[in-house]
């Protein structure tokens, strides 16, 4: 069961009085865990551990609460990946959620040689939060296997751009879920990066990238998928020459201010 589906199941369980058992640890740390902690804050009686939750229902009312929402690491990932690739960059992401189930992409970047610091760690709304500072550095290829995929599934499109420009080959496997998102994100990223000059090959549940690519601007297709659009945009930002991205308006699904924030960093974006 995917973490988002588990999170919805958690809410249904509160109303029905269902015991939830054998949740995978990644789900407990990620969206499902966030949902459970929020339900507890709203007065739902439960016993909760990373892989187990017992909820005593049915629940007739939920207490209203004030929620401070930390920065979304999946949205921040595009800027973090871009900063990691650009020599001399120095970027701070304030008040970012640092839940281990949501920040697996940072472990991948660290393994590739990325330099970042987590500053001012604190708790907001029961969740760990940090100010993240990342500077550009020389990166090398890596491998993402099935066991690591759940903690970075949404960030793999952005990571694929980093992998294409890093020294040496990279490989992603065990990520077949990417084929059934808003679009086929494996094919979308492989075809997009190949159009920009990268050497890439896809297979059933992943792809390989040869690395050491010097990307060039190209005509690209976001396939109506917000994360493909944002990943291709950061690829275009480090490429020589201009690029055009079809269906770029779909970025508003998850990040309406994406273009504005990139422009603040010096990326020239023009909407057709």
Protein backbone atom coordinates (compact mmCIF):
# COMPACT_ATOMS: atom_id res chain seq x y z
CA UNK A 1 0.00 0.00 0.00
CA UNK A 2 1.41 3.40 -1.00
CA UNK A 3 1.95 5.98 1.71
CA UNK A 4 -0.69 8.39 0.39
CA UNK A 5 -3.24 5.57 0.24
CA UNK A 6 -2.31 4.56 3.77
CA UNK A 7 -2.87 8.16 4.88
CA UNK A 8 -6.41 8.11 3.47
CA UNK A 9 -6.96 4.70 5.06
CA UNK A 10 -5.90 6.13 8.41
CA UNK A 11 -8.68 8.70 8.31
CA UNK A 12 -11.25 6.10 7.33
CA UNK A 13 -10.04 3.85 10.15
CA UNK A 14 -10.70 6.59 12.70
CA UNK A 15 -14.35 6.63 11.70
CA UNK A 16 -14.75 2.85 11.55
CA UNK A 17 -12.69 1.72 14.54
CA UNK A 18 -10.19 -0.37 12.54
CA UNK A 19 -6.80 -1.58 13.78
CA UNK A 20 -4.00 -0.80 11.32
CA UNK A 21 -1.12 -3.25 11.53
CA UNK A 22 2.02 -4.17 9.64
CA UNK A 23 2.53 -0.77 8.07
CA UNK A 24 5.89 -0.53 6.36
CA UNK A 25 8.34 1.71 8.20
CA UNK A 26 8.65 4.16 5.32
CA UNK A 27 4.91 4.73 5.40
CA UNK A 28 4.94 5.27 9.14
CA UNK A 29 7.58 7.96 8.78
CA UNK A 30 6.01 9.56 5.72
CA UNK A 31 2.52 10.74 4.81
CA UNK A 32 0.74 8.04 6.81
CA UNK A 33 2.66 9.01 9.94
CA UNK A 34 1.84 12.66 9.38
CA UNK A 35 -1.83 11.83 9.07
CA UNK A 36 -1.83 9.77 12.25
CA UNK A 37 -0.06 12.45 14.26
CA UNK A 38 -2.55 15.04 13.05
CA UNK A 39 -5.48 12.82 13.99
CA UNK A 40 -4.01 12.43 17.48
CA UNK A 41 -3.74 16.22 17.77
CA UNK A 42 -7.45 16.41 16.88
CA UNK A 43 -8.38 14.16 19.77
CA UNK A 44 -8.55 10.72 18.16
CA UNK A 45 -7.63 8.11 20.81
CA UNK A 46 -4.91 5.85 19.44
CA UNK A 47 -1.73 3.94 20.08
CA UNK A 48 0.85 4.81 17.47
CA UNK A 49 4.28 3.44 16.55
CA UNK A 50 6.14 3.71 13.21
CA UNK A 51 4.73 0.40 11.95
CA UNK A 52 1.54 0.10 14.00
CA UNK A 53 -1.54 2.14 14.85
CA UNK A 54 -4.59 1.11 16.85
CA UNK A 55 -7.48 3.57 16.67
CA UNK A 56 -10.47 3.29 19.02
CA UNK A 57 -13.57 4.28 17.05
CA UNK A 58 -16.05 5.21 15.92
CA UNK A 59 -15.16 8.89 16.30
CA UNK A 60 -18.10 11.29 16.33
CA UNK A 61 -16.25 14.63 16.47
CA UNK A 62 -12.78 15.97 15.78
CA UNK A 63 -11.31 18.90 17.72
CA UNK A 64 -10.34 21.95 15.65
CA UNK A 65 -6.62 22.68 15.75
CA UNK A 66 -4.26 25.39 14.53
CA UNK A 67 -1.72 23.95 12.10
CA UNK A 68 1.61 25.49 11.08
CA UNK A 69 2.57 23.84 7.80
CA UNK A 70 6.33 23.46 7.22
CA UNK A 71 7.88 23.70 3.76
CA UNK A 72 7.28 20.70 1.50
CA UNK A 73 10.53 18.81 0.78
CA UNK A 74 9.18 17.45 -2.51
CA UNK A 75 8.70 21.00 -3.80
CA UNK A 76 12.01 22.16 -2.37
CA UNK A 77 13.81 19.24 -4.03
CA UNK A 78 13.86 20.94 -7.44
CA UNK A 79 15.67 23.98 -6.04
CA UNK A 80 17.98 21.83 -3.91
CA UNK A 81 18.94 19.69 -6.91
CA UNK A 82 19.51 22.77 -9.04
CA UNK A 83 21.73 24.38 -6.40
CA UNK A 84 23.70 21.15 -5.98
CA UNK A 85 24.56 21.16 -9.69
CA UNK A 86 25.58 24.80 -10.08
CA UNK A 87 29.15 25.67 -8.97
CA UNK A 88 29.28 28.59 -6.57
CA UNK A 89 25.63 28.38 -5.58
CA UNK A 90 24.62 28.93 -1.96
CA UNK A 91 20.94 28.40 -1.29
CA UNK A 92 18.93 28.33 1.93
CA UNK A 93 15.53 26.63 2.19
CA UNK A 94 13.91 27.88 5.43
CA UNK A 95 11.48 25.91 7.59
CA UNK A 96 11.58 22.67 5.57
CA UNK A 97 10.02 19.46 6.83
CA UNK A 98 12.78 17.00 7.79
CA UNK A 99 10.71 13.84 8.22
CA UNK A 100 12.97 10.88 7.22
CA UNK A 101 10.15 9.35 5.21
CA UNK A 102 10.00 12.45 3.02
CA UNK A 103 13.67 13.38 2.60
CA UNK A 104 15.31 10.27 1.18
CA UNK A 105 16.46 12.34 -1.79
CA UNK A 106 18.86 14.18 0.51
CA UNK A 107 20.61 10.90 1.30
CA UNK A 108 20.95 10.26 -2.43
CA UNK A 109 22.43 13.72 -3.01
CA UNK A 110 24.78 13.33 -0.07
CA UNK A 111 25.98 10.03 -1.50
CA UNK A 112 26.65 11.83 -4.78
CA UNK A 113 28.86 14.35 -2.99
CA UNK A 114 26.38 17.17 -2.38
CA UNK A 115 27.24 19.57 0.44
CA UNK A 116 24.44 20.76 2.68
CA UNK A 117 23.82 21.62 6.31
CA UNK A 118 20.68 21.32 8.41
CA UNK A 119 20.44 24.39 10.60
CA UNK A 120 18.13 25.37 13.46
CA UNK A 121 16.42 21.98 13.93
CA UNK A 122 13.08 22.24 15.75
CA UNK A 123 9.60 20.77 15.94
CA UNK A 124 6.55 22.39 14.32
CA UNK A 125 3.17 20.74 14.58
CA UNK A 126 4.77 17.55 15.84
CA UNK A 127 7.09 17.33 12.82
CA UNK A 128 10.87 17.86 12.61
CA UNK A 129 11.79 21.02 10.70
CA UNK A 130 15.13 22.52 9.64
CA UNK A 131 16.58 25.39 7.65
CA UNK A 132 18.54 23.67 4.88
CA UNK A 133 21.59 25.29 3.30
CA UNK A 134 23.12 23.73 0.18
CA UNK A 135 26.11 24.80 -1.88
CA UNK A 136 27.14 23.70 -5.35
CA UNK A 137 29.73 20.95 -5.52
CA UNK A 138 31.24 18.31 -7.78
CA UNK A 139 28.88 15.32 -7.94
CA UNK A 140 29.32 11.71 -9.02
CA UNK A 141 26.90 9.01 -10.09
CA UNK A 142 25.04 6.66 -7.77
CA UNK A 143 22.42 3.91 -7.70
CA UNK A 144 18.90 4.02 -6.26
CA UNK A 145 17.45 0.57 -5.58
CA UNK A 146 13.96 -0.62 -4.65
CA UNK A 147 14.52 -0.34 -0.89
CA UNK A 148 15.31 3.37 -1.19
CA UNK A 149 12.61 4.29 -3.71
CA UNK A 150 9.71 4.83 -1.23
CA UNK A 151 11.52 7.68 0.52
CA UNK A 152 12.34 9.55 -2.71
CA UNK A 153 9.79 8.43 -5.33
CA UNK A 154 8.51 11.94 -6.08
CA UNK A 155 12.01 13.39 -6.28
CA UNK A 156 13.44 10.87 -8.78
CA UNK A 157 12.63 13.10 -11.79
CA UNK A 158 14.69 15.92 -10.25
CA UNK A 159 17.43 13.50 -9.19
CA UNK A 160 17.62 12.16 -12.75
CA UNK A 161 18.70 15.61 -13.93
CA UNK A 162 21.49 15.64 -11.34
CA UNK A 163 22.51 12.14 -12.36
CA UNK A 164 22.72 13.10 -16.03
CA UNK A 165 25.26 15.83 -15.27
CA UNK A 166 27.22 14.01 -12.53
CA UNK A 167 30.52 12.23 -13.15
CA UNK A 168 30.03 8.60 -14.07
CA UNK A 169 26.97 6.40 -14.51
CA UNK A 170 23.83 6.21 -12.39
CA UNK A 171 21.01 3.70 -12.21
CA UNK A 172 17.49 3.70 -10.75
CA UNK A 173 15.60 0.42 -10.30
CA UNK A 174 12.52 -0.77 -8.42
CA UNK A 175 10.62 2.38 -9.40
CA UNK A 176 7.87 0.99 -11.64
CA UNK A 177 5.35 3.18 -9.77
CA UNK A 178 6.74 6.11 -11.75
CA UNK A 179 5.07 4.69 -14.85
CA UNK A 180 1.58 5.15 -13.41
CA UNK A 181 1.72 8.70 -12.08
CA UNK A 182 0.03 11.59 -13.93
CA UNK A 183 2.25 10.47 -16.81
CA UNK A 184 4.93 7.85 -17.35
CA UNK A 185 7.72 9.65 -15.53
CA UNK A 186 10.38 7.12 -16.51
CA UNK A 187 9.79 7.57 -20.24
CA UNK A 188 9.16 11.29 -19.83
CA UNK A 189 12.48 11.99 -18.13
CA UNK A 190 14.53 9.60 -20.27
CA UNK A 191 13.17 11.04 -23.52
CA UNK A 192 13.52 14.61 -22.27
CA UNK A 193 17.12 14.17 -21.14
CA UNK A 194 18.04 12.33 -24.35
CA UNK A 195 16.62 15.25 -26.35
CA UNK A 196 19.01 17.50 -24.40
CA UNK A 197 22.02 15.33 -25.20
CA UNK A 198 22.19 12.92 -22.26
CA UNK A 199 22.84 9.22 -22.75
CA UNK A 200 19.95 7.41 -21.09
CA UNK A 201 18.15 4.09 -21.35
CA UNK A 202 14.91 3.01 -19.73
CA UNK A 203 13.77 -0.44 -18.63
CA UNK A 204 10.64 -1.77 -16.97
CA UNK A 205 11.16 -0.34 -13.48
CA UNK A 206 13.85 2.27 -13.95
CA UNK A 207 16.57 3.74 -16.10
CA UNK A 208 20.30 4.25 -16.48
CA UNK A 209 22.17 7.47 -17.17
CA UNK A 210 25.75 7.53 -18.43
CA UNK A 211 26.50 10.83 -16.72
CA UNK A 212 29.05 13.49 -17.69
CA UNK A 213 26.43 15.15 -19.91
CA UNK A 214 26.61 18.73 -21.10
CA UNK A 215 22.95 19.45 -21.67
CA UNK A 216 21.73 21.60 -24.56
CA UNK A 217 18.42 23.38 -24.90
CA UNK A 218 15.66 21.48 -26.67
CA UNK A 219 11.92 21.29 -27.28
CA UNK A 220 10.55 19.24 -24.39
CA UNK A 221 7.20 17.81 -23.34
CA UNK A 222 6.03 17.76 -19.72
CA UNK A 223 3.26 15.31 -20.69
CA UNK A 224 0.80 17.13 -18.45
CA UNK A 225 2.72 16.05 -15.33
CA UNK A 226 3.70 18.75 -12.82
CA UNK A 227 6.83 16.98 -11.58
CA UNK A 228 8.05 16.24 -15.10
CA UNK A 229 7.59 19.91 -15.97
CA UNK A 230 9.56 21.09 -12.93
CA UNK A 231 12.34 18.52 -13.47
CA UNK A 232 12.69 19.45 -17.13
CA UNK A 233 12.72 23.12 -16.14
CA UNK A 234 15.76 22.69 -13.88
CA UNK A 235 17.40 20.67 -16.67
CA UNK A 236 16.76 23.60 -19.00
CA UNK A 237 18.20 25.97 -16.38
CA UNK A 238 21.61 24.25 -16.51
CA UNK A 239 21.55 23.62 -20.28
CA UNK A 240 23.22 25.79 -22.89
CA UNK A 241 20.73 27.59 -25.11
CA UNK A 242 17.00 27.99 -24.73
CA UNK A 243 14.40 25.30 -24.18
CA UNK A 244 10.64 25.18 -24.60
CA UNK A 245 8.46 22.93 -22.43
CA UNK A 246 4.98 21.93 -23.53
CA UNK A 247 2.15 21.67 -20.95
CA UNK A 248 4.21 23.73 -18.51
CA UNK A 249 1.03 25.18 -16.98
CA UNK A 250 0.50 21.89 -15.13
CA UNK A 251 3.12 22.99 -12.60
CA UNK A 252 0.33 24.91 -10.87
CA UNK A 253 -1.13 21.61 -9.62
CA UNK A 254 1.40 21.46 -6.79
CA UNK A 255 3.53 24.62 -6.99
CA UNK A 256 1.80 27.71 -8.46
CA UNK A 257 4.76 29.92 -7.53
CA UNK A 258 7.43 27.71 -9.10
CA UNK A 259 8.28 30.07 -11.98
CA UNK A 260 8.39 33.08 -9.64
CA UNK A 261 10.82 31.39 -7.24
CA UNK A 262 13.10 30.23 -10.05
CA UNK A 263 13.11 33.74 -11.48
CA UNK A 264 14.23 35.05 -8.08
CA UNK A 265 17.24 32.75 -8.40
CA UNK A 266 18.14 34.21 -11.79
CA UNK A 267 16.52 31.70 -14.15
CA UNK A 268 14.93 33.39 -17.18
CA UNK A 269 11.44 31.98 -17.73
CA UNK A 270 8.96 33.25 -20.32
CA UNK A 271 5.39 31.99 -20.53
CA UNK A 272 4.09 31.57 -24.09
